């Protein structure tokens, strides 16, 4: 199939896969060899403010049982800690450990490097236009907001 005929949706999925693979490779090289892509989605979902397992399940589109297994693996690997939830004593708050925060910082570094490489290929102004266009489309489809980052299952 000629590139001009390639549907944009397919090309975006290919680019997403490329970024995910390069991100995971960069994180492995930075001392995080035990991560899977799902871990990254969970860590971003927990974020700087923390989240309950129920909130995380909703963000990721997973069952509570699936999130419990995922969180257990992140706790075992030292990326997440469980804390008492002062806002709701019936639930546990999931928070990033220092290792989890360091991982997200490394991930941002890798993403910036990838963007710089892309800018070398297409030019900074074209990359900026692509970013603005994609953000506009996503926001228009979600009432002006950016939706949570979710895995594509």
Protein backbone atom coordinates (compact mmCIF):
# COMPACT_ATOMS: atom_id res chain seq x y z
CA UNK A 1 0.00 0.00 0.00
CA UNK A 2 1.34 3.42 -0.94
CA UNK A 3 1.93 5.75 2.06
CA UNK A 4 -0.50 8.26 0.52
CA UNK A 5 -3.19 5.60 0.75
CA UNK A 6 -2.42 4.59 4.32
CA UNK A 7 -5.32 5.56 6.60
CA UNK A 8 -4.32 8.18 9.17
CA UNK A 9 -5.71 6.06 12.03
CA UNK A 10 -3.39 3.20 11.08
CA UNK A 11 -0.43 5.56 10.81
CA UNK A 12 -1.19 7.03 14.25
CA UNK A 13 -1.33 3.53 15.74
CA UNK A 14 2.00 2.68 14.12
CA UNK A 15 3.51 5.88 15.55
CA UNK A 16 2.06 5.06 18.98
CA UNK A 17 3.65 1.61 18.86
CA UNK A 18 6.97 3.11 17.81
CA UNK A 19 6.92 5.58 20.71
CA UNK A 20 5.87 2.90 23.21
CA UNK A 21 8.65 0.56 22.08
CA UNK A 22 11.30 3.29 22.19
CA UNK A 23 10.03 4.54 25.54
CA UNK A 24 10.20 1.05 27.04
CA UNK A 25 13.67 0.50 25.59
CA UNK A 26 14.87 3.83 27.04
CA UNK A 27 13.45 2.98 30.46
CA UNK A 28 15.05 -0.46 30.44
CA UNK A 29 18.39 1.18 29.64
CA UNK A 30 17.81 3.65 32.52
CA UNK A 31 17.54 0.85 35.09
CA UNK A 32 13.90 -0.18 34.85
CA UNK A 33 14.04 -3.54 33.06
CA UNK A 34 11.00 -5.06 34.76
CA UNK A 35 8.30 -2.75 33.40
CA UNK A 36 5.47 -3.51 31.05
CA UNK A 37 3.51 -0.85 29.16
CA UNK A 38 0.54 -1.36 31.49
CA UNK A 39 2.71 -0.29 34.41
CA UNK A 40 3.29 3.08 32.78
CA UNK A 41 -0.42 3.68 32.34
CA UNK A 42 -1.01 2.81 36.00
CA UNK A 43 1.80 5.06 37.24
CA UNK A 44 0.45 7.96 35.16
CA UNK A 45 -3.03 7.25 36.52
CA UNK A 46 -1.75 7.39 40.09
CA UNK A 47 0.18 10.55 39.27
CA UNK A 48 1.38 13.13 41.73
CA UNK A 49 -1.89 13.23 43.70
CA UNK A 50 -2.34 9.51 44.22
CA UNK A 51 -5.44 7.45 43.51
CA UNK A 52 -7.52 4.71 45.02
CA UNK A 53 -7.70 1.32 43.34
CA UNK A 54 -11.30 2.08 42.34
CA UNK A 55 -10.26 5.37 40.72
CA UNK A 56 -7.38 3.67 38.95
CA UNK A 57 -9.66 0.90 37.66
CA UNK A 58 -11.98 3.54 36.19
CA UNK A 59 -9.12 5.46 34.60
CA UNK A 60 -7.62 2.34 33.02
CA UNK A 61 -10.89 0.65 32.07
CA UNK A 62 -9.99 -2.41 34.14
CA UNK A 63 -11.74 -4.44 36.79
CA UNK A 64 -10.87 -3.84 40.43
CA UNK A 65 -9.39 -7.35 40.56
CA UNK A 66 -7.16 -6.64 37.56
CA UNK A 67 -6.00 -3.36 39.08
CA UNK A 68 -5.29 -5.10 42.39
CA UNK A 69 -2.88 -7.49 40.63
CA UNK A 70 -1.30 -4.64 38.71
CA UNK A 71 -0.84 -2.57 41.87
CA UNK A 72 0.62 -5.56 43.72
CA UNK A 73 3.26 -5.91 41.02
CA UNK A 74 4.08 -2.18 41.19
CA UNK A 75 4.36 -2.33 44.99
CA UNK A 76 6.62 -5.41 44.75
CA UNK A 77 8.85 -3.58 42.24
CA UNK A 78 9.06 -0.52 44.51
CA UNK A 79 7.21 1.95 42.28
CA UNK A 80 4.05 2.40 44.37
CA UNK A 81 3.23 2.55 48.06
CA UNK A 82 -0.07 2.14 49.86
CA UNK A 83 -1.01 4.83 52.37
CA UNK A 84 -3.92 5.51 54.67
CA UNK A 85 -6.47 7.62 52.79
CA UNK A 86 -7.18 10.58 55.08
CA UNK A 87 -10.05 11.68 52.80
CA UNK A 88 -11.80 8.29 53.07
CA UNK A 89 -10.80 5.91 55.84
CA UNK A 90 -12.48 3.01 54.04
CA UNK A 91 -10.00 3.06 51.17
CA UNK A 92 -6.26 2.98 50.64
CA UNK A 93 -4.47 5.68 48.70
CA UNK A 94 -1.94 4.53 46.12
CA UNK A 95 1.02 6.91 45.83
CA UNK A 96 4.20 6.92 43.81
CA UNK A 97 7.34 5.98 45.70
CA UNK A 98 10.56 7.87 45.04
CA UNK A 99 11.39 5.11 42.52
CA UNK A 100 8.02 5.66 40.81
CA UNK A 101 8.54 9.42 40.63
CA UNK A 102 12.04 8.90 39.26
CA UNK A 103 10.65 6.53 36.63
CA UNK A 104 8.09 9.08 35.44
CA UNK A 105 10.83 11.70 35.28
CA UNK A 106 12.96 9.36 33.16
CA UNK A 107 9.97 8.64 30.95
CA UNK A 108 9.52 12.38 30.32
CA UNK A 109 13.22 12.63 29.43
CA UNK A 110 12.87 9.81 26.90
CA UNK A 111 9.73 11.39 25.45
CA UNK A 112 11.48 14.77 25.04
CA UNK A 113 14.39 13.03 23.28
CA UNK A 114 11.98 11.26 20.92
CA UNK A 115 10.20 14.53 20.15
CA UNK A 116 13.54 16.18 19.39
CA UNK A 117 14.36 13.33 16.99
CA UNK A 118 10.98 13.70 15.29
CA UNK A 119 11.50 17.45 14.99
CA UNK A 120 14.78 16.74 13.16
CA UNK A 121 12.84 14.67 10.62
CA UNK A 122 9.81 16.87 9.98
CA UNK A 123 10.90 20.22 11.37
CA UNK A 124 9.91 21.91 14.62
CA UNK A 125 7.06 23.91 13.10
CA UNK A 126 5.45 20.84 11.53
CA UNK A 127 5.77 18.88 14.77
CA UNK A 128 4.24 21.79 16.67
CA UNK A 129 1.36 21.97 14.17
CA UNK A 130 0.79 18.22 14.53
CA UNK A 131 0.72 18.56 18.32
CA UNK A 132 -1.76 21.46 18.21
CA UNK A 133 -4.01 19.67 15.72
CA UNK A 134 -4.10 16.42 17.67
CA UNK A 135 -4.77 18.24 20.93
CA UNK A 136 -7.59 20.23 19.34
CA UNK A 137 -9.25 17.08 18.01
CA UNK A 138 -8.93 15.24 21.33
CA UNK A 139 -10.24 18.19 23.35
CA UNK A 140 -13.20 18.68 20.99
CA UNK A 141 -14.18 15.04 21.45
CA UNK A 142 -13.95 15.33 25.26
CA UNK A 143 -15.78 18.58 26.07
CA UNK A 144 -12.61 20.68 26.02
CA UNK A 145 -10.68 18.44 28.41
CA UNK A 146 -7.86 16.00 27.87
CA UNK A 147 -9.05 12.51 28.83
CA UNK A 148 -7.02 10.23 31.09
CA UNK A 149 -4.28 8.22 29.43
CA UNK A 150 -5.67 4.72 28.86
CA UNK A 151 -4.15 1.63 27.34
CA UNK A 152 -5.41 0.42 24.00
CA UNK A 153 -6.43 -3.14 24.78
